[in-house]
Amino acid sequence: MLELIVLAVLGYAAFTWHTTSRGKRFVRAYAYLKLLDNGMSSAEANGLAMRFLSRYSDPDIDLDLIKDATGYTKAGGQQLPVIAAARKHGFIG
């Protein structure tokens, strides 16, 4: 019985980690594309995008970025095409 509980907790933790990781990747890819649109080079945009949602980021900026990316998805945008487009344009996240 204890093994089943441990497996359930580990499964939930793995699912949560995967979902959070994918969400971060989407927000960073979304930010990367926005930074490119604002005239940044690929290297500059990658450097800045990878700082978002990290220990080195500003929580207020992160929150604004999350709200902007969430608004994009609520308007009909999808995560995976954004990530694919960002990677096509040099995103390394």
PDB file of N, CA and C in Angstrom:
ATOM      1  N   MET A   1       0.816  -1.196   0.000  1.00  0.00           N
ATOM      2  CA  MET A   1       0.000   0.000   0.000  1.00  0.00           C
ATOM      3  C   MET A   1       0.862   1.264   0.000  1.00  0.00           C
ATOM      4  N   LEU A   2       1.921   1.242   0.791  1.00  0.00           N
ATOM      5  CA  LEU A   2       2.820   2.387   0.855  1.00  0.00           C
ATOM      6  C   LEU A   2       3.473   2.639  -0.501  1.00  0.00           C
ATOM      7  N   GLU A   3       3.827   1.560  -1.204  1.00  0.00           N
ATOM      8  CA  GLU A   3       4.440   1.703  -2.524  1.00  0.00           C
ATOM      9  C   GLU A   3       3.490   2.396  -3.494  1.00  0.00           C
ATOM     10  N   LEU A   4       2.219   2.070  -3.399  1.00  0.00           N
ATOM     11  CA  LEU A   4       1.221   2.678  -4.272  1.00  0.00           C
ATOM     12  C   LEU A   4       1.100   4.178  -4.001  1.00  0.00           C
ATOM     13  N   ILE A   5       1.131   4.552  -2.738  1.00  0.00           N
ATOM     14  CA  ILE A   5       1.054   5.970  -2.369  1.00  0.00           C
ATOM     15  C   ILE A   5       2.294   6.706  -2.878  1.00  0.00           C
ATOM     16  N   VAL A   6       3.459   6.109  -2.699  1.00  0.00           N
ATOM     17  CA  VAL A   6       4.701   6.726  -3.164  1.00  0.00           C
ATOM     18  C   VAL A   6       4.675   6.883  -4.680  1.00  0.00           C
ATOM     19  N   LEU A   7       4.227   5.855  -5.387  1.00  0.00           N
ATOM     20  CA  LEU A   7       4.131   5.941  -6.845  1.00  0.00           C
ATOM     21  C   LEU A   7       3.148   7.023  -7.283  1.00  0.00           C
ATOM     22  N   ALA A   8       2.043   7.152  -6.586  1.00  0.00           N
ATOM     23  CA  ALA A   8       1.055   8.179  -6.918  1.00  0.00           C
ATOM     24  C   ALA A   8       1.638   9.571  -6.706  1.00  0.00           C
ATOM     25  N   VAL A   9       2.334   9.773  -5.607  1.00  0.00           N
ATOM     26  CA  VAL A   9       2.944  11.072  -5.328  1.00  0.00           C
ATOM     27  C   VAL A   9       4.019  11.383  -6.362  1.00  0.00           C
ATOM     28  N   LEU A  10       4.855  10.418  -6.694  1.00  0.00           N
ATOM     29  CA  LEU A  10       5.897  10.622  -7.701  1.00  0.00           C
ATOM     30  C   LEU A  10       5.296  10.891  -9.079  1.00  0.00           C
ATOM     31  N   GLY A  11       4.232  10.191  -9.410  1.00  0.00           N
ATOM     32  CA  GLY A  11       3.553  10.416 -10.688  1.00  0.00           C
ATOM     33  C   GLY A  11       2.967  11.814 -10.772  1.00  0.00           C
ATOM     34  N   TYR A  12       2.364  12.257  -9.702  1.00  0.00           N
ATOM     35  CA  TYR A  12       1.794  13.602  -9.668  1.00  0.00           C
ATOM     36  C   TYR A  12       2.892  14.660  -9.779  1.00  0.00           C
ATOM     37  N   ALA A  13       4.001  14.434  -9.067  1.00  0.00           N
ATOM     38  CA  ALA A  13       5.118  15.380  -9.115  1.00  0.00           C
ATOM     39  C   ALA A  13       5.707  15.445 -10.524  1.00  0.00           C
ATOM     40  N   ALA A  14       5.846  14.305 -11.176  1.00  0.00           N
ATOM     41  CA  ALA A  14       6.385  14.281 -12.542  1.00  0.00           C
ATOM     42  C   ALA A  14       5.440  14.992 -13.507  1.00  0.00           C
ATOM     43  N   PHE A  15       4.162  14.765 -13.365  1.00  0.00           N
ATOM     44  CA  PHE A  15       3.174  15.429 -14.224  1.00  0.00           C
ATOM     45  C   PHE A  15       3.219  16.940 -14.028  1.00  0.00           C
ATOM     46  N   THR A  16       3.272  17.379 -12.768  1.00  0.00           N
ATOM     47  CA  THR A  16       3.329  18.804 -12.457  1.00  0.00           C
ATOM     48  C   THR A  16       4.600  19.429 -13.012  1.00  0.00           C
ATOM     49  N   TRP A  17       5.740  18.756 -12.846  1.00  0.00           N
ATOM     50  CA  TRP A  17       7.001  19.276 -13.365  1.00  0.00           C
ATOM     51  C   TRP A  17       6.943  19.400 -14.880  1.00  0.00           C
ATOM     52  N   HIS A  18       6.428  18.388 -15.557  1.00  0.00           N
ATOM     53  CA  HIS A  18       6.353  18.407 -17.027  1.00  0.00           C
ATOM     54  C   HIS A  18       5.451  19.542 -17.505  1.00  0.00           C
ATOM     55  N   THR A  19       4.305  19.704 -16.882  1.00  0.00           N
ATOM     56  CA  THR A  19       3.364  20.742 -17.273  1.00  0.00           C
ATOM     57  C   THR A  19       3.962  22.133 -17.038  1.00  0.00           C
ATOM     58  N   THR A  20       4.602  22.321 -15.912  1.00  0.00           N
ATOM     59  CA  THR A  20       5.236  23.602 -15.606  1.00  0.00           C
ATOM     60  C   THR A  20       6.367  23.889 -16.580  1.00  0.00           C
ATOM     61  N   SER A  21       7.158  22.878 -16.871  1.00  0.00           N
ATOM     62  CA  SER A  21       8.274  23.041 -17.806  1.00  0.00           C
ATOM     63  C   SER A  21       7.777  23.431 -19.194  1.00  0.00           C
ATOM     64  N   ARG A  22       6.724  22.792 -19.648  1.00  0.00           N
ATOM     65  CA  ARG A  22       6.162  23.105 -20.969  1.00  0.00           C
ATOM     66  C   ARG A  22       5.563  24.512 -20.991  1.00  0.00           C
ATOM     67  N   GLY A  23       4.933  24.899 -19.915  1.00  0.00           N
ATOM     68  CA  GLY A  23       4.389  26.248 -19.824  1.00  0.00           C
ATOM     69  C   GLY A  23       5.476  27.309 -19.864  1.00  0.00           C
ATOM     70  N   LYS A  24       6.575  27.070 -19.147  1.00  0.00           N
ATOM     71  CA  LYS A  24       7.705  27.997 -19.183  1.00  0.00           C
ATOM     72  C   LYS A  24       8.281  28.098 -20.592  1.00  0.00           C
ATOM     73  N   ARG A  25       8.408  26.957 -21.248  1.00  0.00           N
ATOM     74  CA  ARG A  25       8.961  26.955 -22.610  1.00  0.00           C
ATOM     75  C   ARG A  25       8.083  27.778 -23.539  1.00  0.00           C
ATOM     76  N   PHE A  26       6.765  27.650 -23.403  1.00  0.00           N
ATOM     77  CA  PHE A  26       5.851  28.429 -24.234  1.00  0.00           C
ATOM     78  C   PHE A  26       5.996  29.923 -23.967  1.00  0.00           C
ATOM     79  N   VAL A  27       5.994  30.323 -22.698  1.00  0.00           N
ATOM     80  CA  VAL A  27       6.091  31.743 -22.364  1.00  0.00           C
ATOM     81  C   VAL A  27       7.414  32.312 -22.863  1.00  0.00           C
ATOM     82  N   ARG A  28       8.497  31.560 -22.699  1.00  0.00           N
ATOM     83  CA  ARG A  28       9.800  32.032 -23.179  1.00  0.00           C
ATOM     84  C   ARG A  28       9.832  32.122 -24.703  1.00  0.00           C
ATOM     85  N   ALA A  29       9.236  31.155 -25.388  1.00  0.00           N
ATOM     86  CA  ALA A  29       9.187  31.188 -26.857  1.00  0.00           C
ATOM     87  C   ALA A  29       8.339  32.363 -27.323  1.00  0.00           C
ATOM     88  N   TYR A  30       7.234  32.608 -26.650  1.00  0.00           N
ATOM     89  CA  TYR A  30       6.368  33.733 -26.973  1.00  0.00           C
ATOM     90  C   TYR A  30       7.142  35.039 -26.803  1.00  0.00           C
ATOM     91  N   ALA A  31       7.856  35.160 -25.694  1.00  0.00           N
ATOM     92  CA  ALA A  31       8.656  36.360 -25.438  1.00  0.00           C
ATOM     93  C   ALA A  31       9.759  36.509 -26.483  1.00  0.00           C
ATOM     94  N   TYR A  32      10.387  35.400 -26.848  1.00  0.00           N
ATOM     95  CA  TYR A  32      11.451  35.424 -27.852  1.00  0.00           C
ATOM     96  C   TYR A  32      10.940  36.001 -29.171  1.00  0.00           C
ATOM     97  N   LEU A  33       9.791  35.548 -29.619  1.00  0.00           N
ATOM     98  CA  LEU A  33       9.230  36.053 -30.870  1.00  0.00           C
ATOM     99  C   LEU A  33       8.882  37.534 -30.761  1.00  0.00           C
ATOM    100  N   LYS A  34       8.363  37.952 -29.615  1.00  0.00           N
ATOM    101  CA  LYS A  34       8.056  39.369 -29.411  1.00  0.00           C
ATOM    102  C   LYS A  34       9.336  40.208 -29.435  1.00  0.00           C
ATOM    103  N   LEU A  35      10.388  39.694 -28.819  1.00  0.00           N
ATOM    104  CA  LEU A  35      11.658  40.416 -28.804  1.00  0.00           C
ATOM    105  C   LEU A  35      12.245  40.541 -30.208  1.00  0.00           C
ATOM    106  N   LEU A  36      12.116  39.479 -31.005  1.00  0.00           N
ATOM    107  CA  LEU A  36      12.581  39.551 -32.394  1.00  0.00           C
ATOM    108  C   LEU A  36      11.787  40.600 -33.164  1.00  0.00           C
ATOM    109  N   ASP A  37      10.475  40.635 -32.932  1.00  0.00           N
ATOM    110  CA  ASP A  37       9.619  41.627 -33.601  1.00  0.00           C
ATOM    111  C   ASP A  37      10.004  43.055 -33.220  1.00  0.00           C
ATOM    112  N   ASN A  38      10.568  43.219 -32.030  1.00  0.00           N
ATOM    113  CA  ASN A  38      10.977  44.548 -31.570  1.00  0.00           C
ATOM    114  C   ASN A  38      12.404  44.903 -31.990  1.00  0.00           C
ATOM    115  N   GLY A  39      13.007  44.067 -32.848  1.00  0.00           N
ATOM    116  CA  GLY A  39      14.302  44.411 -33.417  1.00  0.00           C
ATOM    117  C   GLY A  39      15.524  43.813 -32.760  1.00  0.00           C
ATOM    118  N   MET A  40      15.362  42.965 -31.787  1.00  0.00           N
ATOM    119  CA  MET A  40      16.528  42.341 -31.152  1.00  0.00           C
ATOM    120  C   MET A  40      17.099  41.265 -32.060  1.00  0.00           C
ATOM    121  N   SER A  41      18.392  41.023 -31.906  1.00  0.00           N
ATOM    122  CA  SER A  41      19.014  39.916 -32.628  1.00  0.00           C
ATOM    123  C   SER A  41      18.610  38.606 -31.953  1.00  0.00           C
ATOM    124  N   SER A  42      18.842  37.521 -32.649  1.00  0.00           N
ATOM    125  CA  SER A  42      18.501  36.210 -32.108  1.00  0.00           C
ATOM    126  C   SER A  42      19.261  35.940 -30.813  1.00  0.00           C
ATOM    127  N   ALA A  43      20.533  36.288 -30.776  1.00  0.00           N
ATOM    128  CA  ALA A  43      21.347  36.049 -29.579  1.00  0.00           C
ATOM    129  C   ALA A  43      20.834  36.869 -28.395  1.00  0.00           C
ATOM    130  N   GLU A  44      20.522  38.138 -28.629  1.00  0.00           N
ATOM    131  CA  GLU A  44      20.003  38.989 -27.554  1.00  0.00           C
ATOM    132  C   GLU A  44      18.653  38.478 -27.062  1.00  0.00           C
ATOM    133  N   ALA A  45      17.782  38.117 -27.994  1.00  0.00           N
ATOM    134  CA  ALA A  45      16.452  37.634 -27.632  1.00  0.00           C
ATOM    135  C   ALA A  45      16.536  36.326 -26.859  1.00  0.00           C
ATOM    136  N   ASN A  46      17.422  35.427 -27.269  1.00  0.00           N
ATOM    137  CA  ASN A  46      17.596  34.170 -26.540  1.00  0.00           C
ATOM    138  C   ASN A  46      18.075  34.425 -25.121  1.00  0.00           C
ATOM    139  N   GLY A  47      19.062  35.302 -24.986  1.00  0.00           N
ATOM    140  CA  GLY A  47      19.595  35.594 -23.659  1.00  0.00           C
ATOM    141  C   GLY A  47      18.541  36.153 -22.727  1.00  0.00           C
ATOM    142  N   LEU A  48      17.740  37.082 -23.234  1.00  0.00           N
ATOM    143  CA  LEU A  48      16.707  37.692 -22.409  1.00  0.00           C
ATOM    144  C   LEU A  48      15.557  36.733 -22.149  1.00  0.00           C
ATOM    145  N   ALA A  49      15.139  35.992 -23.155  1.00  0.00           N
ATOM    146  CA  ALA A  49      14.017  35.059 -22.991  1.00  0.00           C
ATOM    147  C   ALA A  49      14.341  33.971 -21.970  1.00  0.00           C
ATOM    148  N   MET A  50      15.581  33.522 -21.930  1.00  0.00           N
ATOM    149  CA  MET A  50      15.942  32.464 -20.987  1.00  0.00           C
ATOM    150  C   MET A  50      16.008  32.966 -19.547  1.00  0.00           C
ATOM    151  N   ARG A  51      16.078  34.282 -19.362  1.00  0.00           N
ATOM    152  CA  ARG A  51      16.076  34.834 -18.006  1.00  0.00           C
ATOM    153  C   ARG A  51      14.658  34.908 -17.436  1.00  0.00           C
ATOM    154  N   PHE A  52      13.654  34.979 -18.316  1.00  0.00           N
ATOM    155  CA  PHE A  52      12.277  35.029 -17.831  1.00  0.00           C
ATOM    156  C   PHE A  52      11.952  33.753 -17.066  1.00  0.00           C
ATOM    157  N   LEU A  53      11.190  33.901 -16.018  1.00  0.00           N
ATOM    158  CA  LEU A  53      10.739  32.777 -15.188  1.00  0.00           C
ATOM    159  C   LEU A  53      11.910  32.006 -14.582  1.00  0.00           C
ATOM    160  N   SER A  54      12.965  32.721 -14.254  1.00  0.00           N
ATOM    161  CA  SER A  54      14.117  32.105 -13.598  1.00  0.00           C
ATOM    162  C   SER A  54      14.386  32.861 -12.301  1.00  0.00           C
ATOM    163  N   ARG A  55      15.372  32.439 -11.570  1.00  0.00           N
ATOM    164  CA  ARG A  55      15.684  33.114 -10.309  1.00  0.00           C
ATOM    165  C   ARG A  55      16.249  34.513 -10.535  1.00  0.00           C
ATOM    166  N   TYR A  56      16.665  34.801 -11.770  1.00  0.00           N
ATOM    167  CA  TYR A  56      17.256  36.098 -12.092  1.00  0.00           C
ATOM    168  C   TYR A  56      16.244  37.085 -12.670  1.00  0.00           C
ATOM    169  N   SER A  57      15.013  36.692 -12.757  1.00  0.00           N
ATOM    170  CA  SER A  57      14.010  37.538 -13.401  1.00  0.00           C
ATOM    171  C   SER A  57      13.259  38.387 -12.389  1.00  0.00           C
ATOM    172  N   ASP A  58      12.597  39.386 -12.917  1.00  0.00           N
ATOM    173  CA  ASP A  58      11.751  40.271 -12.118  1.00  0.00           C
ATOM    174  C   ASP A  58      10.345  39.668 -12.089  1.00  0.00           C
ATOM    175  N   PRO A  59       9.812  39.357 -10.912  1.00  0.00           N
ATOM    176  CA  PRO A  59       8.491  38.729 -10.830  1.00  0.00           C
ATOM    177  C   PRO A  59       7.382  39.548 -11.490  1.00  0.00           C
ATOM    178  N   ASP A  60       7.483  40.871 -11.428  1.00  0.00           N
ATOM    179  CA  ASP A  60       6.453  41.705 -12.048  1.00  0.00           C
ATOM    180  C   ASP A  60       6.479  41.584 -13.565  1.00  0.00           C
ATOM    181  N   ILE A  61       7.675  41.570 -14.131  1.00  0.00           N
ATOM    182  CA  ILE A  61       7.809  41.397 -15.579  1.00  0.00           C
ATOM    183  C   ILE A  61       7.332  40.006 -15.984  1.00  0.00           C
ATOM    184  N   ASP A  62       7.697  39.000 -15.184  1.00  0.00           N
ATOM    185  CA  ASP A  62       7.247  37.631 -15.461  1.00  0.00           C
ATOM    186  C   ASP A  62       5.725  37.551 -15.471  1.00  0.00           C
ATOM    187  N   LEU A  63       5.090  38.181 -14.489  1.00  0.00           N
ATOM    188  CA  LEU A  63       3.630  38.144 -14.395  1.00  0.00           C
ATOM    189  C   LEU A  63       2.985  38.809 -15.610  1.00  0.00           C
ATOM    190  N   ASP A  64       3.527  39.955 -16.028  1.00  0.00           N
ATOM    191  CA  ASP A  64       2.999  40.631 -17.225  1.00  0.00           C
ATOM    192  C   ASP A  64       3.163  39.762 -18.460  1.00  0.00           C
ATOM    193  N   LEU A  65       4.300  39.106 -18.569  1.00  0.00           N
ATOM    194  CA  LEU A  65       4.553  38.236 -19.712  1.00  0.00           C
ATOM    195  C   LEU A  65       3.610  37.035 -19.714  1.00  0.00           C
ATOM    196  N   ILE A  66       3.396  36.450 -18.560  1.00  0.00           N
ATOM    197  CA  ILE A  66       2.471  35.317 -18.448  1.00  0.00           C
ATOM    198  C   ILE A  66       1.061  35.746 -18.841  1.00  0.00           C
ATOM    199  N   LYS A  67       0.640  36.921 -18.374  1.00  0.00           N
ATOM    200  CA  LYS A  67      -0.696  37.425 -18.723  1.00  0.00           C
ATOM    201  C   LYS A  67      -0.816  37.652 -20.228  1.00  0.00           C
ATOM    202  N   ASP A  68       0.230  38.200 -20.837  1.00  0.00           N
ATOM    203  CA  ASP A  68       0.219  38.452 -22.279  1.00  0.00           C
ATOM    204  C   ASP A  68       0.142  37.136 -23.057  1.00  0.00           C
ATOM    205  N   ALA A  69       0.955  36.153 -22.654  1.00  0.00           N
ATOM    206  CA  ALA A  69       0.957  34.853 -23.333  1.00  0.00           C
ATOM    207  C   ALA A  69      -0.368  34.124 -23.115  1.00  0.00           C
ATOM    208  N   THR A  70      -0.933  34.238 -21.919  1.00  0.00           N
ATOM    209  CA  THR A  70      -2.223  33.620 -21.634  1.00  0.00           C
ATOM    210  C   THR A  70      -3.322  34.261 -22.465  1.00  0.00           C
ATOM    211  N   GLY A  71      -3.254  35.565 -22.616  1.00  0.00           N
ATOM    212  CA  GLY A  71      -4.220  36.263 -23.468  1.00  0.00           C
ATOM    213  C   GLY A  71      -4.141  35.789 -24.905  1.00  0.00           C
ATOM    214  N   TYR A  72      -2.931  35.526 -25.360  1.00  0.00           N
ATOM    215  CA  TYR A  72      -2.737  35.000 -26.711  1.00  0.00           C
ATOM    216  C   TYR A  72      -3.435  33.648 -26.875  1.00  0.00           C
ATOM    217  N   THR A  73      -3.265  32.761 -25.910  1.00  0.00           N
ATOM    218  CA  THR A  73      -3.895  31.439 -26.015  1.00  0.00           C
ATOM    219  C   THR A  73      -5.416  31.532 -25.881  1.00  0.00           C
ATOM    220  N   LYS A  74      -5.894  32.436 -25.042  1.00  0.00           N
ATOM    221  CA  LYS A  74      -7.348  32.597 -24.897  1.00  0.00           C
ATOM    222  C   LYS A  74      -7.982  33.164 -26.157  1.00  0.00           C
ATOM    223  N   ALA A  75      -7.178  33.874 -26.945  1.00  0.00           N
ATOM    224  CA  ALA A  75      -7.676  34.427 -28.209  1.00  0.00           C
ATOM    225  C   ALA A  75      -7.600  33.404 -29.338  1.00  0.00           C
ATOM    226  N   GLY A  76      -7.223  32.183 -29.018  1.00  0.00           N
ATOM    227  CA  GLY A  76      -7.210  31.123 -30.014  1.00  0.00           C
ATOM    228  C   GLY A  76      -5.833  30.625 -30.402  1.00  0.00           C
ATOM    229  N   GLY A  77      -4.786  31.235 -29.867  1.00  0.00           N
ATOM    230  CA  GLY A  77      -3.427  30.780 -30.173  1.00  0.00           C
ATOM    231  C   GLY A  77      -3.118  29.472 -29.464  1.00  0.00           C
ATOM    232  N   GLN A  78      -2.178  28.734 -30.024  1.00  0.00           N
ATOM    233  CA  GLN A  78      -1.801  27.449 -29.437  1.00  0.00           C
ATOM    234  C   GLN A  78      -0.323  27.454 -29.080  1.00  0.00           C
ATOM    235  N   GLN A  79       0.028  26.692 -28.042  1.00  0.00           N
ATOM    236  CA  GLN A  79       1.392  26.690 -27.537  1.00  0.00           C
ATOM    237  C   GLN A  79       2.399  26.061 -28.496  1.00  0.00           C
ATOM    238  N   LEU A  80       2.114  24.875 -28.969  1.00  0.00           N
ATOM    239  CA  LEU A  80       3.112  24.156 -29.763  1.00  0.00           C
ATOM    240  C   LEU A  80       3.500  24.868 -31.052  1.00  0.00           C
ATOM    241  N   PRO A  81       2.563  25.477 -31.800  1.00  0.00           N
ATOM    242  CA  PRO A  81       2.981  26.230 -32.979  1.00  0.00           C
ATOM    243  C   PRO A  81       3.869  27.432 -32.650  1.00  0.00           C
ATOM    244  N   VAL A  82       3.638  28.059 -31.510  1.00  0.00           N
ATOM    245  CA  VAL A  82       4.485  29.186 -31.097  1.00  0.00           C
ATOM    246  C   VAL A  82       5.899  28.693 -30.804  1.00  0.00           C
ATOM    247  N   ILE A  83       6.005  27.598 -30.092  1.00  0.00           N
ATOM    248  CA  ILE A  83       7.320  27.033 -29.783  1.00  0.00           C
ATOM    249  C   ILE A  83       8.033  26.618 -31.068  1.00  0.00           C
ATOM    250  N   ALA A  84       7.306  25.999 -31.987  1.00  0.00           N
ATOM    251  CA  ALA A  84       7.913  25.582 -33.249  1.00  0.00           C
ATOM    252  C   ALA A  84       8.381  26.790 -34.070  1.00  0.00           C
ATOM    253  N   ALA A  85       7.570  27.841 -34.110  1.00  0.00           N
ATOM    254  CA  ALA A  85       7.953  29.045 -34.857  1.00  0.00           C
ATOM    255  C   ALA A  85       9.185  29.696 -34.234  1.00  0.00           C
ATOM    256  N   ALA A  86       9.218  29.725 -32.912  1.00  0.00           N
ATOM    257  CA  ALA A  86      10.375  30.321 -32.238  1.00  0.00           C
ATOM    258  C   ALA A  86      11.633  29.526 -32.534  1.00  0.00           C
ATOM    259  N   ARG A  87      11.537  28.206 -32.475  1.00  0.00           N
ATOM    260  CA  ARG A  87      12.696  27.361 -32.779  1.00  0.00           C
ATOM    261  C   ARG A  87      13.149  27.538 -34.226  1.00  0.00           C
ATOM    262  N   LYS A  88      12.200  27.714 -35.123  1.00  0.00           N
ATOM    263  CA  LYS A  88      12.528  27.934 -36.533  1.00  0.00           C
ATOM    264  C   LYS A  88      13.337  29.215 -36.709  1.00  0.00           C
ATOM    265  N   HIS A  89      13.090  30.191 -35.838  1.00  0.00           N
ATOM    266  CA  HIS A  89      13.784  31.471 -35.904  1.00  0.00           C
ATOM    267  C   HIS A  89      14.982  31.566 -34.966  1.00  0.00           C
ATOM    268  N   GLY A  90      15.414  30.420 -34.407  1.00  0.00           N
ATOM    269  CA  GLY A  90      16.648  30.409 -33.623  1.00  0.00           C
ATOM    270  C   GLY A  90      16.501  30.298 -32.128  1.00  0.00           C
ATOM    271  N   PHE A  91      15.294  30.073 -31.620  1.00  0.00           N
ATOM    272  CA  PHE A  91      15.088  29.939 -30.179  1.00  0.00           C
ATOM    273  C   PHE A  91      15.750  28.655 -29.688  1.00  0.00           C
ATOM    274  N   ILE A  92      16.529  28.765 -28.619  1.00  0.00           N
ATOM    275  CA  ILE A  92      17.237  27.580 -28.116  1.00  0.00           C
ATOM    276  C   ILE A  92      16.605  26.994 -26.867  1.00  0.00           C
ATOM    277  N   GLY A  93      15.568  27.641 -26.348  1.00  0.00           N
ATOM    278  CA  GLY A  93      14.944  27.174 -25.085  1.00  0.00           C
ATOM    279  C   GLY A  93      14.209  25.940 -25.330  1.00  0.00           C
TER     280      GLY A  93
END
